[in-house]
């Protein structure tokens, strides 16, 4: 995973995109047209809650997602 992160730093940056590991707990993000909040980190994954259903999902730390502002109007 560290090799992936090192090589990722050389990729062309996309606006508002980050790795899940680079997000703080409480940050919102979009993945596959679904909206999530990062809740907590586990060993190599992050526990995230889907905002519309409240279901919990595990995301690998190297998953690239689009960070969004905490605004309910954006996901409604």
N, C-alpha and C. Protein backbone atom coordinates (compact mmCIF):
# COMPACT_ATOMS: atom_id res chain seq x y z
N UNK A 1 0.83 -1.19 0.00
CA UNK A 1 0.00 0.00 0.00
C UNK A 1 0.87 1.25 0.00
N UNK A 2 2.01 1.23 0.65
CA UNK A 2 2.87 2.40 0.67
C UNK A 2 3.42 2.71 -0.71
N UNK A 3 3.71 1.68 -1.51
CA UNK A 3 4.18 1.90 -2.87
C UNK A 3 3.10 2.59 -3.70
N UNK A 4 1.86 2.16 -3.55
CA UNK A 4 0.76 2.78 -4.29
C UNK A 4 0.66 4.26 -3.93
N UNK A 5 0.74 4.58 -2.65
CA UNK A 5 0.64 5.98 -2.22
C UNK A 5 1.80 6.81 -2.77
N UNK A 6 2.99 6.24 -2.79
CA UNK A 6 4.14 6.96 -3.31
C UNK A 6 3.98 7.24 -4.80
N UNK A 7 3.51 6.26 -5.55
CA UNK A 7 3.31 6.46 -6.98
C UNK A 7 2.12 7.36 -7.27
N UNK A 8 1.11 7.33 -6.41
CA UNK A 8 -0.08 8.18 -6.58
C UNK A 8 0.29 9.66 -6.54
N UNK A 9 1.30 10.01 -5.77
CA UNK A 9 1.72 11.41 -5.65
C UNK A 9 2.22 11.97 -6.98
N UNK A 10 2.63 11.09 -7.90
CA UNK A 10 3.13 11.54 -9.20
C UNK A 10 2.04 11.61 -10.27
N UNK A 11 0.84 11.11 -9.97
CA UNK A 11 -0.26 11.17 -10.92
C UNK A 11 -0.73 12.61 -11.11
N UNK A 12 -1.39 12.85 -12.24
CA UNK A 12 -1.99 14.15 -12.51
C UNK A 12 -3.09 14.40 -11.48
N UNK A 13 -3.02 15.49 -10.72
CA UNK A 13 -4.03 15.72 -9.68
C UNK A 13 -5.40 16.03 -10.28
N UNK A 14 -6.43 15.46 -9.67
CA UNK A 14 -7.81 15.73 -10.06
C UNK A 14 -8.40 16.67 -9.02
N UNK A 15 -9.21 17.64 -9.43
CA UNK A 15 -9.76 18.58 -8.46
C UNK A 15 -10.67 17.88 -7.44
N UNK A 16 -10.47 18.18 -6.17
CA UNK A 16 -11.26 17.67 -5.05
C UNK A 16 -11.15 16.17 -4.84
N UNK A 17 -10.20 15.49 -5.45
CA UNK A 17 -10.03 14.06 -5.26
C UNK A 17 -8.91 13.79 -4.26
N UNK A 18 -9.16 12.82 -3.38
CA UNK A 18 -8.18 12.42 -2.38
C UNK A 18 -8.29 10.92 -2.14
N UNK A 19 -7.29 10.37 -1.47
CA UNK A 19 -7.38 9.00 -1.01
C UNK A 19 -8.16 8.99 0.30
N UNK A 20 -8.86 7.91 0.58
CA UNK A 20 -9.64 7.82 1.81
C UNK A 20 -8.73 8.00 3.03
N UNK A 21 -7.50 7.50 2.98
CA UNK A 21 -6.56 7.67 4.09
C UNK A 21 -6.25 9.14 4.38
N UNK A 22 -6.33 9.99 3.37
CA UNK A 22 -6.00 11.41 3.54
C UNK A 22 -7.15 12.23 4.10
N UNK A 23 -8.34 11.65 4.23
CA UNK A 23 -9.49 12.35 4.79
C UNK A 23 -9.47 12.25 6.31
N UNK A 24 -10.04 13.24 6.96
CA UNK A 24 -10.19 13.23 8.42
C UNK A 24 -11.54 12.60 8.77
N UNK A 25 -11.66 12.11 9.99
CA UNK A 25 -12.94 11.59 10.46
C UNK A 25 -13.96 12.74 10.43
N UNK A 26 -15.13 12.46 9.90
CA UNK A 26 -16.17 13.49 9.77
C UNK A 26 -16.23 14.12 8.40
N UNK A 27 -15.22 13.91 7.56
CA UNK A 27 -15.24 14.46 6.20
C UNK A 27 -16.24 13.70 5.34
N UNK A 28 -16.87 14.40 4.42
CA UNK A 28 -17.81 13.80 3.48
C UNK A 28 -17.12 13.59 2.15
N UNK A 29 -17.53 12.53 1.44
CA UNK A 29 -16.98 12.27 0.12
C UNK A 29 -17.99 11.54 -0.74
N UNK A 30 -17.72 11.53 -2.05
CA UNK A 30 -18.58 10.86 -3.02
C UNK A 30 -17.80 9.72 -3.66
N UNK A 31 -18.46 8.58 -3.79
CA UNK A 31 -17.88 7.43 -4.47
C UNK A 31 -19.01 6.73 -5.22
N UNK A 32 -18.85 6.55 -6.51
CA UNK A 32 -19.87 5.89 -7.35
C UNK A 32 -21.24 6.54 -7.21
N UNK A 33 -21.28 7.86 -7.22
CA UNK A 33 -22.53 8.65 -7.13
C UNK A 33 -23.29 8.41 -5.83
N UNK A 34 -22.58 7.96 -4.79
CA UNK A 34 -23.16 7.80 -3.46
C UNK A 34 -22.32 8.62 -2.49
N UNK A 35 -22.95 9.11 -1.43
CA UNK A 35 -22.29 10.04 -0.53
C UNK A 35 -22.04 9.37 0.82
N UNK A 36 -20.85 9.60 1.36
CA UNK A 36 -20.41 8.93 2.59
C UNK A 36 -19.77 9.93 3.53
N UNK A 37 -19.73 9.54 4.80
CA UNK A 37 -18.98 10.27 5.82
C UNK A 37 -17.98 9.30 6.43
N UNK A 38 -16.73 9.72 6.52
CA UNK A 38 -15.71 8.88 7.15
C UNK A 38 -15.93 8.92 8.65
N UNK A 39 -16.10 7.75 9.25
CA UNK A 39 -16.42 7.67 10.67
C UNK A 39 -15.18 7.36 11.50
N UNK A 40 -14.47 6.30 11.14
CA UNK A 40 -13.30 5.89 11.93
C UNK A 40 -12.35 5.09 11.06
N UNK A 41 -11.10 5.03 11.50
CA UNK A 41 -10.11 4.22 10.80
C UNK A 41 -9.91 2.91 11.53
N UNK A 42 -9.81 1.84 10.76
CA UNK A 42 -9.41 0.57 11.31
C UNK A 42 -8.01 0.30 10.79
N UNK A 43 -7.49 -0.87 10.87
CA UNK A 43 -6.10 -1.11 10.50
C UNK A 43 -5.76 -0.59 9.10
N UNK A 44 -6.32 -1.19 8.09
CA UNK A 44 -5.99 -0.78 6.72
C UNK A 44 -7.20 -0.20 6.00
N UNK A 45 -8.33 -0.15 6.67
CA UNK A 45 -9.55 0.34 6.04
C UNK A 45 -10.19 1.41 6.90
N UNK A 46 -11.12 2.11 6.30
CA UNK A 46 -11.86 3.15 7.02
C UNK A 46 -13.33 2.78 7.04
N UNK A 47 -13.94 2.93 8.20
CA UNK A 47 -15.38 2.68 8.32
C UNK A 47 -16.09 3.97 7.95
N UNK A 48 -17.01 3.86 6.98
CA UNK A 48 -17.71 5.03 6.47
C UNK A 48 -19.21 4.76 6.44
N UNK A 49 -19.99 5.81 6.68
CA UNK A 49 -21.44 5.69 6.69
C UNK A 49 -22.01 6.35 5.44
N UNK A 50 -22.88 5.60 4.74
CA UNK A 50 -23.57 6.20 3.61
C UNK A 50 -24.60 7.18 4.17
N UNK A 51 -24.59 8.40 3.67
CA UNK A 51 -25.40 9.46 4.27
C UNK A 51 -26.90 9.28 4.02
N UNK A 52 -27.28 8.69 2.90
CA UNK A 52 -28.71 8.58 2.60
C UNK A 52 -29.38 7.41 3.31
N UNK A 53 -28.64 6.32 3.58
CA UNK A 53 -29.25 5.14 4.19
C UNK A 53 -28.77 4.87 5.61
N UNK A 54 -27.63 5.41 5.99
CA UNK A 54 -27.07 5.15 7.31
C UNK A 54 -26.31 3.83 7.41
N UNK A 55 -26.17 3.11 6.30
CA UNK A 55 -25.43 1.85 6.30
C UNK A 55 -23.94 2.11 6.40
N UNK A 56 -23.24 1.18 7.06
CA UNK A 56 -21.79 1.29 7.23
C UNK A 56 -21.08 0.46 6.17
N UNK A 57 -19.99 1.01 5.64
CA UNK A 57 -19.18 0.34 4.63
C UNK A 57 -17.71 0.49 5.01
N UNK A 58 -16.89 -0.46 4.56
CA UNK A 58 -15.44 -0.37 4.74
C UNK A 58 -14.81 0.01 3.41
N UNK A 59 -13.94 1.03 3.45
CA UNK A 59 -13.22 1.47 2.27
C UNK A 59 -11.74 1.23 2.48
N UNK A 60 -11.08 0.73 1.46
CA UNK A 60 -9.63 0.61 1.50
C UNK A 60 -9.04 2.02 1.56
N UNK A 61 -7.91 2.16 2.23
CA UNK A 61 -7.28 3.46 2.36
C UNK A 61 -6.79 4.05 1.06
N UNK A 62 -6.60 3.21 0.05
CA UNK A 62 -6.07 3.70 -1.22
C UNK A 62 -7.16 3.96 -2.26
N UNK A 63 -8.41 3.96 -1.82
CA UNK A 63 -9.52 4.27 -2.72
C UNK A 63 -9.55 5.77 -2.98
N UNK A 64 -9.59 6.15 -4.26
CA UNK A 64 -9.66 7.56 -4.61
C UNK A 64 -11.12 8.00 -4.64
N UNK A 65 -11.43 9.07 -3.92
CA UNK A 65 -12.80 9.58 -3.82
C UNK A 65 -12.78 11.08 -4.04
N UNK A 66 -13.97 11.63 -4.27
CA UNK A 66 -14.10 13.09 -4.44
C UNK A 66 -14.63 13.67 -3.15
N UNK A 67 -13.82 14.52 -2.51
CA UNK A 67 -14.23 15.15 -1.26
C UNK A 67 -15.26 16.23 -1.55
N UNK A 68 -16.29 16.30 -0.70
CA UNK A 68 -17.34 17.31 -0.85
C UNK A 68 -17.49 18.07 0.46
N UNK A 69 -18.13 19.24 0.37
CA UNK A 69 -18.39 20.03 1.57
C UNK A 69 -19.56 19.42 2.33
N UNK A 70 -19.59 19.65 3.63
CA UNK A 70 -20.69 19.15 4.47
C UNK A 70 -21.92 20.02 4.24
N UNK A 71 -22.73 19.65 3.24
CA UNK A 71 -23.91 20.42 2.89
C UNK A 71 -24.98 19.46 2.39
N UNK A 72 -26.08 19.35 3.13
CA UNK A 72 -27.13 18.41 2.75
C UNK A 72 -27.76 18.75 1.41
N UNK A 73 -27.76 20.02 1.04
CA UNK A 73 -28.36 20.39 -0.25
C UNK A 73 -27.59 19.78 -1.41
N UNK A 74 -26.31 19.49 -1.20
CA UNK A 74 -25.48 18.94 -2.26
C UNK A 74 -25.84 17.48 -2.56
N UNK A 75 -26.37 16.75 -1.59
CA UNK A 75 -26.65 15.34 -1.81
C UNK A 75 -28.14 15.05 -1.99
N UNK A 76 -28.97 16.03 -1.76
CA UNK A 76 -30.42 15.80 -1.88
C UNK A 76 -30.87 15.81 -3.32
